[in-house]
Amino acid sequence: MEDEEDIARLIGHVLEESGFLVHRPDRSSSLVRDAEKYQPEVFILDLMLPEIDGFQLCRSIREHKSLKKIPILILTARTESADRKRALESGADVYMTKPFKSSELIAAVQTLRGRSTSI
């Protein structure tokens, strides 16, 4: 879930070019409901979202029975170690900062995707 449209399109393009199917909910408040329907292999979340912060969204996913084992990648502009720590404590599996290298994003998603299929 990324609130900046240009970055969301870039992320989607990079992942789709690598063969991933990308679904982007319209609103962060509908992410859990959409995820129940689509059952993603990996979540990519920003921490700064308009309706709910990424920390809370991460915790909501971890508390949800059918979603809690799906890996979560945080992709954010926040570079403070306290934010990284808080995100990992909220249930994130990987923490990446912007700007990011496409190859690193793809590698992280592939690794997390492998984890989700082996659960």
C-alpha atoms as a PDB file:
ATOM      1  CA  MET A   1       0.000   0.000   0.000  1.00  0.00           C
ATOM      2  CA  GLU A   2       1.599   3.224  -1.207  1.00  0.00           C
ATOM      3  CA  ASP A   3      -0.172   6.570  -1.081  1.00  0.00           C
ATOM      4  CA  GLU A   4       2.012   8.405  -3.627  1.00  0.00           C
ATOM      5  CA  GLU A   5       0.579   7.524  -7.025  1.00  0.00           C
ATOM      6  CA  ASP A   6       3.840   7.878  -8.991  1.00  0.00           C
ATOM      7  CA  ILE A   7       5.727   5.623  -6.598  1.00  0.00           C
ATOM      8  CA  ALA A   8       2.864   3.121  -6.523  1.00  0.00           C
ATOM      9  CA  ARG A   9       2.897   2.946 -10.324  1.00  0.00           C
ATOM     10  CA  LEU A  10       6.686   2.519 -10.334  1.00  0.00           C
ATOM     11  CA  ILE A  11       6.533  -0.308  -7.792  1.00  0.00           C
ATOM     12  CA  GLY A  12       3.721  -1.977  -9.719  1.00  0.00           C
ATOM     13  CA  HIS A  13       5.577  -1.650 -13.021  1.00  0.00           C
ATOM     14  CA  VAL A  14       8.840  -3.032 -11.602  1.00  0.00           C
ATOM     15  CA  LEU A  15       7.076  -6.031 -10.079  1.00  0.00           C
ATOM     16  CA  GLU A  16       4.857  -6.721 -13.090  1.00  0.00           C
ATOM     17  CA  GLU A  17       7.877  -6.590 -15.421  1.00  0.00           C
ATOM     18  CA  SER A  18       9.392  -9.314 -13.219  1.00  0.00           C
ATOM     19  CA  GLY A  19       6.316 -11.506 -13.592  1.00  0.00           C
ATOM     20  CA  PHE A  20       4.450 -10.662 -10.391  1.00  0.00           C
ATOM     21  CA  LEU A  21       0.716 -10.060 -10.294  1.00  0.00           C
ATOM     22  CA  VAL A  22       0.100  -6.777  -8.470  1.00  0.00           C
ATOM     23  CA  HIS A  23      -3.123  -5.752  -6.755  1.00  0.00           C
ATOM     24  CA  ARG A  24      -3.387  -2.321  -5.203  1.00  0.00           C
ATOM     25  CA  PRO A  25      -6.374  -1.514  -3.003  1.00  0.00           C
ATOM     26  CA  ASP A  26      -7.924   1.917  -3.436  1.00  0.00           C
ATOM     27  CA  ARG A  27      -7.661   2.775   0.239  1.00  0.00           C
ATOM     28  CA  SER A  28      -5.551   1.608   3.147  1.00  0.00           C
ATOM     29  CA  SER A  29      -8.729   1.074   5.163  1.00  0.00           C
ATOM     30  CA  SER A  30      -9.867  -1.574   2.656  1.00  0.00           C
ATOM     31  CA  LEU A  31      -6.548  -3.444   2.494  1.00  0.00           C
ATOM     32  CA  VAL A  32      -7.474  -6.197   4.954  1.00  0.00           C
ATOM     33  CA  ARG A  33     -10.856  -6.778   3.310  1.00  0.00           C
ATOM     34  CA  ASP A  34      -9.259  -6.858  -0.161  1.00  0.00           C
ATOM     35  CA  ALA A  35      -6.506  -9.178   1.066  1.00  0.00           C
ATOM     36  CA  GLU A  36      -9.074 -11.656   2.372  1.00  0.00           C
ATOM     37  CA  LYS A  37     -10.451 -11.806  -1.167  1.00  0.00           C
ATOM     38  CA  TYR A  38      -7.177 -11.866  -3.133  1.00  0.00           C
ATOM     39  CA  GLN A  39      -4.903 -13.707  -0.624  1.00  0.00           C
ATOM     40  CA  PRO A  40      -1.625 -12.029  -1.611  1.00  0.00           C
ATOM     41  CA  GLU A  41       1.702 -13.798  -1.263  1.00  0.00           C
ATOM     42  CA  VAL A  42       3.410 -10.625   0.010  1.00  0.00           C
ATOM     43  CA  PHE A  43       2.272  -7.258   1.360  1.00  0.00           C
ATOM     44  CA  ILE A  44       4.232  -4.104   0.496  1.00  0.00           C
ATOM     45  CA  LEU A  45       3.340  -1.271   2.859  1.00  0.00           C
ATOM     46  CA  ASP A  46       4.442   2.305   3.324  1.00  0.00           C
ATOM     47  CA  LEU A  47       4.472   3.662   6.866  1.00  0.00           C
ATOM     48  CA  MET A  48       2.958   7.023   5.977  1.00  0.00           C
ATOM     49  CA  LEU A  49      -0.571   6.444   4.732  1.00  0.00           C
ATOM     50  CA  PRO A  50      -3.520   8.857   4.806  1.00  0.00           C
ATOM     51  CA  GLU A  51      -6.112   6.787   6.690  1.00  0.00           C
ATOM     52  CA  ILE A  52      -4.085   4.523   8.939  1.00  0.00           C
ATOM     53  CA  ASP A  53      -0.376   4.420   9.622  1.00  0.00           C
ATOM     54  CA  GLY A  54       1.660   1.511   8.337  1.00  0.00           C
ATOM     55  CA  PHE A  55       2.539   0.334  11.837  1.00  0.00           C
ATOM     56  CA  GLN A  56      -1.146  -0.139  12.692  1.00  0.00           C
ATOM     57  CA  LEU A  57      -1.863  -1.711   9.319  1.00  0.00           C
ATOM     58  CA  CYS A  58       0.986  -4.157   9.880  1.00  0.00           C
ATOM     59  CA  ARG A  59      -0.400  -5.079  13.314  1.00  0.00           C
ATOM     60  CA  SER A  60      -3.898  -5.500  11.837  1.00  0.00           C
ATOM     61  CA  ILE A  61      -2.566  -7.953   9.278  1.00  0.00           C
ATOM     62  CA  ARG A  62      -0.704  -9.908  11.964  1.00  0.00           C
ATOM     63  CA  GLU A  63      -3.861 -10.096  14.097  1.00  0.00           C
ATOM     64  CA  HIS A  64      -5.999 -11.388  11.217  1.00  0.00           C
ATOM     65  CA  LYS A  65      -6.417 -15.158  11.216  1.00  0.00           C
ATOM     66  CA  SER A  66      -6.183 -15.769   7.460  1.00  0.00           C
ATOM     67  CA  LEU A  67      -3.531 -13.105   6.733  1.00  0.00           C
ATOM     68  CA  LYS A  68      -1.143 -13.273   9.675  1.00  0.00           C
ATOM     69  CA  LYS A  69       1.406 -15.553   7.993  1.00  0.00           C
ATOM     70  CA  ILE A  70       1.704 -13.508   4.788  1.00  0.00           C
ATOM     71  CA  PRO A  71       5.090 -11.742   4.708  1.00  0.00           C
ATOM     72  CA  ILE A  72       5.153  -7.957   5.001  1.00  0.00           C
ATOM     73  CA  LEU A  73       7.726  -5.720   3.340  1.00  0.00           C
ATOM     74  CA  ILE A  74       7.850  -2.136   4.573  1.00  0.00           C
ATOM     75  CA  LEU A  75       8.981   0.302   1.870  1.00  0.00           C
ATOM     76  CA  THR A  76       9.247   3.795   3.288  1.00  0.00           C
ATOM     77  CA  ALA A  77      11.094   7.100   3.219  1.00  0.00           C
ATOM     78  CA  ARG A  78      11.484   6.907   7.008  1.00  0.00           C
ATOM     79  CA  THR A  79      15.125   6.085   7.751  1.00  0.00           C
ATOM     80  CA  GLU A  80      15.280   6.377  11.550  1.00  0.00           C
ATOM     81  CA  SER A  81      16.336   3.235  13.379  1.00  0.00           C
ATOM     82  CA  ALA A  82      13.425   3.718  15.792  1.00  0.00           C
ATOM     83  CA  ASP A  83      10.986   3.433  12.863  1.00  0.00           C
ATOM     84  CA  ARG A  84      12.728   0.279  11.635  1.00  0.00           C
ATOM     85  CA  LYS A  85      12.548  -1.240  15.121  1.00  0.00           C
ATOM     86  CA  ARG A  86       8.885  -0.288  15.547  1.00  0.00           C
ATOM     87  CA  ALA A  87       7.982  -1.724  12.123  1.00  0.00           C
ATOM     88  CA  LEU A  88       9.695  -5.016  12.874  1.00  0.00           C
ATOM     89  CA  GLU A  89       7.999  -5.152  16.279  1.00  0.00           C
ATOM     90  CA  SER A  90       4.675  -4.510  14.512  1.00  0.00           C
ATOM     91  CA  GLY A  91       5.209  -7.648  12.442  1.00  0.00           C
ATOM     92  CA  ALA A  92       7.133  -6.569   9.335  1.00  0.00           C
ATOM     93  CA  ASP A  93       9.531  -9.105   7.854  1.00  0.00           C
ATOM     94  CA  VAL A  94      11.664  -6.725   5.780  1.00  0.00           C
ATOM     95  CA  TYR A  95      12.295  -2.976   6.058  1.00  0.00           C
ATOM     96  CA  MET A  96      13.491  -1.099   2.971  1.00  0.00           C
ATOM     97  CA  THR A  97      13.946   2.622   2.522  1.00  0.00           C
ATOM     98  CA  LYS A  98      13.298   4.910  -0.423  1.00  0.00           C
ATOM     99  CA  PRO A  99      14.834   5.560  -2.768  1.00  0.00           C
ATOM    100  CA  PHE A 100      15.191   1.890  -3.561  1.00  0.00           C
ATOM    101  CA  LYS A 101      16.889  -0.149  -6.255  1.00  0.00           C
ATOM    102  CA  SER A 102      14.478  -2.130  -8.390  1.00  0.00           C
ATOM    103  CA  SER A 103      16.710  -5.194  -8.225  1.00  0.00           C
ATOM    104  CA  GLU A 104      16.694  -5.120  -4.406  1.00  0.00           C
ATOM    105  CA  LEU A 105      12.907  -4.786  -4.283  1.00  0.00           C
ATOM    106  CA  ILE A 106      12.485  -7.721  -6.674  1.00  0.00           C
ATOM    107  CA  ALA A 107      14.946  -9.852  -4.690  1.00  0.00           C
ATOM    108  CA  ALA A 108      13.181  -9.062  -1.410  1.00  0.00           C
ATOM    109  CA  VAL A 109       9.745  -9.880  -2.859  1.00  0.00           C
ATOM    110  CA  GLN A 110      11.039 -13.127  -4.374  1.00  0.00           C
ATOM    111  CA  THR A 111      12.542 -14.141  -1.030  1.00  0.00           C
ATOM    112  CA  LEU A 112       9.369 -13.287   0.883  1.00  0.00           C
ATOM    113  CA  ARG A 113       7.205 -14.970  -1.724  1.00  0.00           C
ATOM    114  CA  GLY A 114       9.244 -18.132  -1.254  1.00  0.00           C
ATOM    115  CA  ARG A 115       8.610 -17.942   2.485  1.00  0.00           C
ATOM    116  CA  SER A 116       4.858 -17.547   2.034  1.00  0.00           C
ATOM    117  CA  THR A 117       4.576 -20.567  -0.254  1.00  0.00           C
ATOM    118  CA  SER A 118       6.501 -22.759   2.181  1.00  0.00           C
ATOM    119  CA  ILE A 119       4.264 -21.928   5.155  1.00  0.00           C
END
